[in-house]
Amino acid sequence: MRTNQLIIALFQRFCWLDEGLQARLHDRGWPDVNRPQSMVMTNIVSGIVRPSDIARNLGVSRQAIHSTIGQMVKLGIVQLEVDPADRRHMIVSLTETGARMRQDAQHAMDALTAQISDVLGQDRFDALLTALEADWGDNIEREIPARRRRSA
């Protein structure tokens, strides 16, 4: 099995896609955003707007997400507001500037997706997307230490 190649190939292709997106946005005059900021924007656009939910979705601490969101507020692309549905929580949303940036990002992603499809061919592209969207099952396998198994 080529297990080491899988994680390397997936990560390299993710970086290729993100770097292509960032380069296209940069060329359109947008401020440079780092990968964590890009992932926060992706979550917001997907409807995940509570910082704690974004942190959970990305597998990072709430402190890290709040720091990233703070940087994005300074760039003027997102804003934090009290959640009107639950005043104990904050929600993050795109500003008008962020919405325009998101629109340009969508055009860039459309172009990158078309490029991948052209290189792979439509059938292979569809198969790749189907495989990536498939439920791969629970990824957390916990082994019970031998001492605990005997006593149970």
N, C-alpha and C. Protein backbone atom coordinates (compact mmCIF):
# COMPACT_ATOMS: atom_id res chain seq x y z
N MET A 1 0.83 -1.18 0.00
CA MET A 1 0.00 0.00 0.00
C MET A 1 0.88 1.25 0.00
N ARG A 2 0.38 2.31 -0.57
CA ARG A 2 1.15 3.55 -0.68
C ARG A 2 0.62 4.58 0.31
N THR A 3 0.61 4.24 1.59
CA THR A 3 -0.01 5.10 2.58
C THR A 3 0.69 6.45 2.73
N ASN A 4 2.01 6.47 2.71
CA ASN A 4 2.71 7.75 2.85
C ASN A 4 2.44 8.66 1.66
N GLN A 5 2.31 8.09 0.49
CA GLN A 5 2.07 8.90 -0.70
C GLN A 5 0.70 9.56 -0.67
N LEU A 6 -0.28 8.90 -0.04
CA LEU A 6 -1.63 9.45 0.01
C LEU A 6 -1.65 10.80 0.73
N ILE A 7 -1.13 10.85 1.93
CA ILE A 7 -1.19 12.10 2.69
C ILE A 7 -0.36 13.20 2.02
N ILE A 8 0.77 12.82 1.46
CA ILE A 8 1.61 13.81 0.77
C ILE A 8 0.90 14.33 -0.48
N ALA A 9 0.32 13.43 -1.26
CA ALA A 9 -0.36 13.85 -2.50
C ALA A 9 -1.57 14.72 -2.19
N LEU A 10 -2.37 14.33 -1.20
CA LEU A 10 -3.54 15.14 -0.85
C LEU A 10 -3.12 16.52 -0.37
N PHE A 11 -2.10 16.57 0.47
CA PHE A 11 -1.65 17.86 0.99
C PHE A 11 -1.05 18.73 -0.13
N GLN A 12 -0.26 18.13 -1.01
CA GLN A 12 0.32 18.90 -2.11
C GLN A 12 -0.75 19.47 -3.03
N ARG A 13 -1.78 18.69 -3.31
CA ARG A 13 -2.85 19.18 -4.18
C ARG A 13 -3.68 20.25 -3.49
N PHE A 14 -3.90 20.10 -2.17
CA PHE A 14 -4.59 21.14 -1.41
C PHE A 14 -3.78 22.44 -1.48
N CYS A 15 -2.48 22.35 -1.26
CA CYS A 15 -1.62 23.54 -1.32
C CYS A 15 -1.63 24.15 -2.71
N TRP A 16 -1.59 23.32 -3.75
CA TRP A 16 -1.64 23.80 -5.13
C TRP A 16 -2.91 24.61 -5.34
N LEU A 17 -4.04 24.07 -4.88
CA LEU A 17 -5.32 24.74 -5.05
C LEU A 17 -5.37 26.05 -4.27
N ASP A 18 -4.94 26.02 -3.01
CA ASP A 18 -4.98 27.23 -2.19
C ASP A 18 -4.01 28.29 -2.71
N GLU A 19 -2.82 27.88 -3.13
CA GLU A 19 -1.86 28.84 -3.67
C GLU A 19 -2.35 29.45 -4.98
N GLY A 20 -3.02 28.65 -5.80
CA GLY A 20 -3.60 29.16 -7.04
C GLY A 20 -4.69 30.18 -6.74
N LEU A 21 -5.52 29.87 -5.76
CA LEU A 21 -6.57 30.80 -5.35
C LEU A 21 -5.96 32.10 -4.84
N GLN A 22 -4.98 31.98 -3.96
CA GLN A 22 -4.36 33.18 -3.38
C GLN A 22 -3.67 34.02 -4.45
N ALA A 23 -3.00 33.38 -5.39
CA ALA A 23 -2.31 34.13 -6.46
C ALA A 23 -3.32 34.90 -7.32
N ARG A 24 -4.44 34.26 -7.64
CA ARG A 24 -5.45 34.93 -8.46
C ARG A 24 -6.08 36.10 -7.71
N LEU A 25 -6.32 35.94 -6.43
CA LEU A 25 -6.85 37.04 -5.63
C LEU A 25 -5.84 38.18 -5.54
N HIS A 26 -4.58 37.83 -5.33
CA HIS A 26 -3.52 38.83 -5.25
C HIS A 26 -3.46 39.63 -6.57
N ASP A 27 -3.55 38.91 -7.69
CA ASP A 27 -3.50 39.56 -9.00
C ASP A 27 -4.68 40.52 -9.21
N ARG A 28 -5.77 40.29 -8.50
CA ARG A 28 -6.94 41.18 -8.62
C ARG A 28 -6.88 42.31 -7.59
N GLY A 29 -5.76 42.38 -6.84
CA GLY A 29 -5.56 43.50 -5.93
C GLY A 29 -6.03 43.27 -4.50
N TRP A 30 -6.43 42.05 -4.18
CA TRP A 30 -6.89 41.78 -2.82
C TRP A 30 -5.72 41.61 -1.88
N PRO A 31 -5.92 41.94 -0.60
CA PRO A 31 -4.84 41.73 0.37
C PRO A 31 -4.54 40.24 0.50
N ASP A 32 -3.28 39.93 0.73
CA ASP A 32 -2.90 38.54 0.91
C ASP A 32 -3.52 37.99 2.19
N VAL A 33 -4.09 36.81 2.09
CA VAL A 33 -4.61 36.13 3.27
C VAL A 33 -3.83 34.81 3.40
N ASN A 34 -3.63 34.41 4.64
CA ASN A 34 -2.90 33.16 4.85
C ASN A 34 -3.87 31.99 4.82
N ARG A 35 -3.34 30.80 4.89
CA ARG A 35 -4.17 29.60 4.77
C ARG A 35 -5.24 29.52 5.86
N PRO A 36 -4.93 29.79 7.14
CA PRO A 36 -6.00 29.76 8.14
C PRO A 36 -7.12 30.76 7.84
N GLN A 37 -6.75 31.95 7.36
CA GLN A 37 -7.77 32.93 7.02
C GLN A 37 -8.62 32.44 5.85
N SER A 38 -7.99 31.81 4.88
CA SER A 38 -8.71 31.25 3.75
C SER A 38 -9.69 30.17 4.21
N MET A 39 -9.26 29.35 5.16
CA MET A 39 -10.14 28.29 5.66
C MET A 39 -11.30 28.86 6.47
N VAL A 40 -11.07 29.94 7.20
CA VAL A 40 -12.16 30.60 7.92
C VAL A 40 -13.18 31.12 6.92
N MET A 41 -12.71 31.76 5.85
CA MET A 41 -13.64 32.27 4.83
C MET A 41 -14.44 31.14 4.21
N THR A 42 -13.79 30.02 3.94
CA THR A 42 -14.49 28.87 3.37
C THR A 42 -15.60 28.40 4.30
N ASN A 43 -15.34 28.38 5.60
CA ASN A 43 -16.36 27.97 6.57
C ASN A 43 -17.51 28.96 6.59
N ILE A 44 -17.20 30.25 6.60
CA ILE A 44 -18.25 31.27 6.63
C ILE A 44 -19.17 31.12 5.41
N VAL A 45 -18.56 30.97 4.24
CA VAL A 45 -19.33 30.83 3.01
C VAL A 45 -20.18 29.56 3.05
N SER A 46 -19.70 28.54 3.77
CA SER A 46 -20.44 27.28 3.90
C SER A 46 -21.52 27.35 4.97
N GLY A 47 -21.64 28.50 5.65
CA GLY A 47 -22.69 28.67 6.64
C GLY A 47 -22.27 28.39 8.08
N ILE A 48 -21.00 28.13 8.29
CA ILE A 48 -20.48 27.91 9.65
C ILE A 48 -19.96 29.25 10.13
N VAL A 49 -20.69 29.89 11.07
CA VAL A 49 -20.41 31.28 11.39
C VAL A 49 -20.05 31.54 12.85
N ARG A 50 -20.20 30.57 13.71
CA ARG A 50 -19.76 30.75 15.09
C ARG A 50 -18.28 30.39 15.18
N PRO A 51 -17.47 31.26 15.78
CA PRO A 51 -16.05 30.94 15.89
C PRO A 51 -15.77 29.58 16.52
N SER A 52 -16.52 29.20 17.54
CA SER A 52 -16.29 27.89 18.17
C SER A 52 -16.58 26.75 17.20
N ASP A 53 -17.59 26.90 16.35
CA ASP A 53 -17.90 25.87 15.36
C ASP A 53 -16.83 25.81 14.27
N ILE A 54 -16.33 26.98 13.89
CA ILE A 54 -15.25 27.01 12.89
C ILE A 54 -14.01 26.32 13.46
N ALA A 55 -13.68 26.63 14.71
CA ALA A 55 -12.52 26.00 15.34
C ALA A 55 -12.68 24.49 15.38
N ARG A 56 -13.86 24.03 15.76
CA ARG A 56 -14.12 22.58 15.82
C ARG A 56 -14.01 21.96 14.44
N ASN A 57 -14.57 22.62 13.45
CA ASN A 57 -14.55 22.11 12.08
C ASN A 57 -13.13 22.00 11.53
N LEU A 58 -12.27 22.94 11.92
CA LEU A 58 -10.90 22.94 11.42
C LEU A 58 -9.94 22.18 12.34
N GLY A 59 -10.42 21.79 13.51
CA GLY A 59 -9.56 21.04 14.43
C GLY A 59 -8.49 21.88 15.09
N VAL A 60 -8.82 23.14 15.36
CA VAL A 60 -7.87 24.04 16.03
C VAL A 60 -8.55 24.64 17.26
N SER A 61 -7.78 25.32 18.07
CA SER A 61 -8.32 25.90 19.29
C SER A 61 -9.18 27.12 18.99
N ARG A 62 -10.09 27.43 19.91
CA ARG A 62 -10.91 28.63 19.76
C ARG A 62 -10.03 29.87 19.80
N GLN A 63 -8.97 29.83 20.61
CA GLN A 63 -8.05 30.96 20.69
C GLN A 63 -7.40 31.22 19.32
N ALA A 64 -7.00 30.15 18.64
CA ALA A 64 -6.38 30.31 17.32
C ALA A 64 -7.37 30.92 16.33
N ILE A 65 -8.61 30.48 16.37
CA ILE A 65 -9.62 31.02 15.46
C ILE A 65 -9.91 32.48 15.78
N HIS A 66 -10.00 32.81 17.06
CA HIS A 66 -10.25 34.22 17.42
C HIS A 66 -9.10 35.11 16.96
N SER A 67 -7.88 34.61 17.05
CA SER A 67 -6.73 35.37 16.57
C SER A 67 -6.82 35.56 15.06
N THR A 68 -7.14 34.50 14.34
CA THR A 68 -7.27 34.57 12.88
C THR A 68 -8.39 35.52 12.49
N ILE A 69 -9.54 35.41 13.16
CA ILE A 69 -10.67 36.29 12.86
C ILE A 69 -10.29 37.75 13.15
N GLY A 70 -9.56 37.99 14.24
CA GLY A 70 -9.11 39.34 14.56
C GLY A 70 -8.25 39.93 13.44
N GLN A 71 -7.37 39.11 12.86
CA GLN A 71 -6.56 39.56 11.74
C GLN A 71 -7.44 39.92 10.55
N MET A 72 -8.48 39.12 10.33
CA MET A 72 -9.37 39.33 9.20
C MET A 72 -10.25 40.57 9.40
N VAL A 73 -10.61 40.85 10.65
CA VAL A 73 -11.35 42.08 10.96
C VAL A 73 -10.47 43.28 10.61
N LYS A 74 -9.19 43.22 10.97
CA LYS A 74 -8.27 44.33 10.66
C LYS A 74 -8.11 44.52 9.16
N LEU A 75 -8.21 43.42 8.39
CA LEU A 75 -8.14 43.52 6.93
C LEU A 75 -9.43 44.06 6.33
N GLY A 76 -10.50 44.10 7.15
CA GLY A 76 -11.78 44.62 6.69
C GLY A 76 -12.60 43.63 5.89
N ILE A 77 -12.31 42.33 6.00
CA ILE A 77 -13.04 41.35 5.19
C ILE A 77 -14.11 40.59 5.98
N VAL A 78 -14.03 40.63 7.31
CA VAL A 78 -15.07 40.01 8.14
C VAL A 78 -15.40 40.94 9.30
N GLN A 79 -16.55 40.67 9.92
CA GLN A 79 -16.95 41.40 11.12
C GLN A 79 -17.51 40.41 12.12
N LEU A 80 -17.37 40.74 13.39
CA LEU A 80 -17.93 39.94 14.48
C LEU A 80 -19.12 40.68 15.06
N GLU A 81 -20.18 39.95 15.29
CA GLU A 81 -21.39 40.53 15.89
C GLU A 81 -21.99 39.53 16.87
N VAL A 82 -22.80 40.03 17.77
CA VAL A 82 -23.51 39.16 18.68
C VAL A 82 -24.55 38.38 17.87
N ASP A 83 -24.64 37.08 18.15
CA ASP A 83 -25.61 36.22 17.48
C ASP A 83 -27.01 36.61 17.94
N PRO A 84 -27.86 37.11 17.04
CA PRO A 84 -29.21 37.51 17.47
C PRO A 84 -30.05 36.34 17.97
N ALA A 85 -29.72 35.13 17.56
CA ALA A 85 -30.47 33.95 18.01
C ALA A 85 -30.04 33.49 19.40
N ASP A 86 -28.82 33.85 19.80
CA ASP A 86 -28.30 33.45 21.11
C ASP A 86 -27.23 34.46 21.50
N ARG A 87 -27.59 35.42 22.30
CA ARG A 87 -26.72 36.54 22.63
C ARG A 87 -25.45 36.12 23.40
N ARG A 88 -25.37 34.88 23.81
CA ARG A 88 -24.15 34.39 24.48
C ARG A 88 -23.03 34.12 23.49
N HIS A 89 -23.37 34.07 22.21
CA HIS A 89 -22.40 33.72 21.17
C HIS A 89 -22.18 34.87 20.20
N MET A 90 -21.05 34.81 19.54
CA MET A 90 -20.73 35.75 18.47
C MET A 90 -20.85 35.01 17.14
N ILE A 91 -21.10 35.77 16.09
CA ILE A 91 -21.06 35.20 14.75
C ILE A 91 -20.14 36.07 13.91
N VAL A 92 -19.53 35.44 12.94
CA VAL A 92 -18.63 36.15 12.04
C VAL A 92 -19.28 36.14 10.66
N SER A 93 -19.20 37.28 9.99
CA SER A 93 -19.78 37.38 8.66
C SER A 93 -18.86 38.22 7.78
N LEU A 94 -19.07 38.08 6.49
CA LEU A 94 -18.29 38.86 5.54
C LEU A 94 -18.78 40.30 5.52
N THR A 95 -17.85 41.21 5.42
CA THR A 95 -18.20 42.61 5.18
C THR A 95 -18.53 42.76 3.69
N GLU A 96 -18.92 43.95 3.28
CA GLU A 96 -19.13 44.18 1.85
C GLU A 96 -17.85 43.90 1.07
N THR A 97 -16.73 44.33 1.63
CA THR A 97 -15.44 44.07 0.99
C THR A 97 -15.18 42.56 0.92
N GLY A 98 -15.44 41.88 2.02
CA GLY A 98 -15.26 40.43 2.06
C GLY A 98 -16.15 39.71 1.06
N ALA A 99 -17.38 40.21 0.88
CA ALA A 99 -18.30 39.60 -0.08
C ALA A 99 -17.78 39.77 -1.51
N ARG A 100 -17.21 40.94 -1.81
CA ARG A 100 -16.63 41.15 -3.14
C ARG A 100 -15.42 40.24 -3.34
N MET A 101 -14.62 40.11 -2.29
CA MET A 101 -13.45 39.22 -2.35
C MET A 101 -13.91 37.78 -2.57
N ARG A 102 -14.97 37.39 -1.88
CA ARG A 102 -15.50 36.04 -2.01
C ARG A 102 -15.98 35.79 -3.43
N GLN A 103 -16.59 36.79 -4.05
CA GLN A 103 -17.06 36.65 -5.42
C GLN A 103 -15.87 36.42 -6.36
N ASP A 104 -14.81 37.17 -6.19
CA ASP A 104 -13.61 36.96 -7.00
C ASP A 104 -12.99 35.59 -6.70
N ALA A 105 -13.04 35.18 -5.44
CA ALA A 105 -12.52 33.86 -5.07
C ALA A 105 -13.32 32.75 -5.75
N GLN A 106 -14.64 32.93 -5.85
CA GLN A 106 -15.46 31.92 -6.53
C GLN A 106 -15.09 31.81 -8.00
N HIS A 107 -14.86 32.95 -8.65
CA HIS A 107 -14.44 32.93 -10.06
C HIS A 107 -13.08 32.22 -10.19
N ALA A 108 -12.18 32.49 -9.25
CA ALA A 108 -10.87 31.84 -9.28
C ALA A 108 -11.01 30.34 -9.09
N MET A 109 -11.87 29.92 -8.15
CA MET A 109 -12.07 28.49 -7.91
C MET A 109 -12.71 27.82 -9.12
N ASP A 110 -13.62 28.52 -9.79
CA ASP A 110 -14.22 27.98 -11.01
C ASP A 110 -13.14 27.73 -12.06
N ALA A 111 -12.21 28.68 -12.21
CA ALA A 111 -11.13 28.53 -13.19
C ALA A 111 -10.19 27.39 -12.79
N LEU A 112 -9.87 27.29 -11.51
CA LEU A 112 -8.98 26.21 -11.05
C LEU A 112 -9.65 24.85 -11.22
N THR A 113 -10.94 24.79 -10.93
CA THR A 113 -11.68 23.54 -11.10
C THR A 113 -11.70 23.13 -12.57
N ALA A 114 -11.92 24.08 -13.44
CA ALA A 114 -11.91 23.79 -14.89
C ALA A 114 -10.54 23.30 -15.32
N GLN A 115 -9.48 23.90 -14.77
CA GLN A 115 -8.12 23.48 -15.11
C GLN A 115 -7.88 22.04 -14.68
N ILE A 116 -8.30 21.70 -13.47
CA ILE A 116 -8.13 20.32 -12.99
C ILE A 116 -8.91 19.36 -13.88
N SER A 117 -10.13 19.72 -14.21
CA SER A 117 -10.96 18.87 -15.06
C SER A 117 -10.34 18.68 -16.43
N ASP A 118 -9.76 19.76 -16.98
CA ASP A 118 -9.09 19.65 -18.28
C ASP A 118 -7.90 18.72 -18.23
N VAL A 119 -7.13 18.80 -17.15
CA VAL A 119 -5.93 17.97 -17.02
C VAL A 119 -6.31 16.50 -16.80
N LEU A 120 -7.26 16.26 -15.93
CA LEU A 120 -7.63 14.88 -15.60
C LEU A 120 -8.60 14.26 -16.60
N GLY A 121 -9.38 15.07 -17.25
CA GLY A 121 -10.50 14.58 -18.03
C GLY A 121 -11.73 14.56 -17.13
N GLN A 122 -12.90 14.79 -17.73
CA GLN A 122 -14.11 14.92 -16.93
C GLN A 122 -14.44 13.65 -16.14
N ASP A 123 -14.25 12.47 -16.73
CA ASP A 123 -14.57 11.23 -16.02
C ASP A 123 -13.69 11.04 -14.79
N ARG A 124 -12.38 11.28 -14.93
CA ARG A 124 -11.47 11.13 -13.80
C ARG A 124 -11.73 12.21 -12.75
N PHE A 125 -12.06 13.43 -13.20
CA PHE A 125 -12.39 14.49 -12.26
C PHE A 125 -13.63 14.12 -11.45
N ASP A 126 -14.66 13.64 -12.13
CA ASP A 126 -15.88 13.23 -11.43
C ASP A 126 -15.60 12.10 -10.44
N ALA A 127 -14.77 11.14 -10.84
CA ALA A 127 -14.41 10.03 -9.96
C ALA A 127 -13.63 10.54 -8.74
N LEU A 128 -12.73 11.48 -8.96
CA LEU A 128 -11.97 12.06 -7.85
C LEU A 128 -12.91 12.75 -6.87
N LEU A 129 -13.80 13.56 -7.37
CA LEU A 129 -14.73 14.28 -6.51
C LEU A 129 -15.64 13.31 -5.76
N THR A 130 -16.10 12.28 -6.44
CA THR A 130 -16.94 11.26 -5.79
C THR A 130 -16.18 10.58 -4.66
N ALA A 131 -14.92 10.24 -4.90
CA ALA A 131 -14.12 9.58 -3.87
C ALA A 131 -13.87 10.50 -2.68
N LEU A 132 -13.61 11.77 -2.94
CA LEU A 132 -13.36 12.71 -1.86
C LEU A 132 -14.62 13.03 -1.06
N GLU A 133 -15.77 12.98 -1.71
CA GLU A 133 -17.03 13.27 -1.03
C GLU A 133 -17.62 12.06 -0.32
N ALA A 134 -17.08 10.87 -0.58
CA ALA A 134 -17.61 9.65 0.03
C ALA A 134 -17.39 9.65 1.54
N ASP A 135 -18.24 8.97 2.25
CA ASP A 135 -18.08 8.79 3.69
C ASP A 135 -17.00 7.74 3.90
N TRP A 136 -15.88 8.14 4.44
CA TRP A 136 -14.76 7.23 4.66
C TRP A 136 -14.86 6.54 6.02
N GLY A 137 -15.91 6.78 6.75
CA GLY A 137 -16.10 6.15 8.05
C GLY A 137 -15.43 6.95 9.16
N ASP A 138 -15.55 6.43 10.36
CA ASP A 138 -14.97 7.08 11.52
C ASP A 138 -13.45 6.99 11.44
N ASN A 139 -12.79 8.11 11.63
CA ASN A 139 -11.33 8.10 11.52
C ASN A 139 -10.62 7.95 12.86
N ILE A 140 -11.38 7.79 13.92
CA ILE A 140 -10.75 7.64 15.24
C ILE A 140 -10.93 6.21 15.70
N GLU A 141 -9.83 5.50 15.72
CA GLU A 141 -9.83 4.12 16.20
C GLU A 141 -9.04 4.08 17.49
N ARG A 142 -9.69 3.67 18.52
CA ARG A 142 -9.02 3.64 19.81
C ARG A 142 -8.80 2.20 20.23
N GLU A 143 -7.57 1.92 20.54
CA GLU A 143 -7.25 0.59 21.04
C GLU A 143 -7.28 0.61 22.55
N ILE A 144 -7.85 -0.42 23.13
CA ILE A 144 -7.87 -0.54 24.58
C ILE A 144 -6.56 -1.20 24.99
N PRO A 145 -5.81 -0.56 25.89
CA PRO A 145 -4.55 -1.16 26.33
C PRO A 145 -4.77 -2.58 26.85
N ALA A 146 -3.77 -3.42 26.66
CA ALA A 146 -3.87 -4.84 27.05
C ALA A 146 -4.27 -4.99 28.50
N ARG A 147 -3.75 -4.17 29.40
CA ARG A 147 -4.08 -4.28 30.83
C ARG A 147 -5.57 -4.11 31.06
N ARG A 148 -6.18 -3.17 30.38
CA ARG A 148 -7.60 -2.89 30.58
C ARG A 148 -8.46 -3.99 29.97
N ARG A 149 -8.02 -4.57 28.86
CA ARG A 149 -8.80 -5.63 28.23
C ARG A 149 -8.91 -6.85 29.13
N ARG A 150 -7.81 -7.22 29.79
CA ARG A 150 -7.82 -8.40 30.64
C ARG A 150 -8.72 -8.23 31.84
N SER A 151 -8.76 -7.02 32.39
CA SER A 151 -9.53 -6.81 33.60
C SER A 151 -11.01 -6.57 33.32
N ALA A 152 -11.34 -6.30 32.10
CA ALA A 152 -12.74 -5.99 31.77
C ALA A 152 -13.60 -7.22 31.68
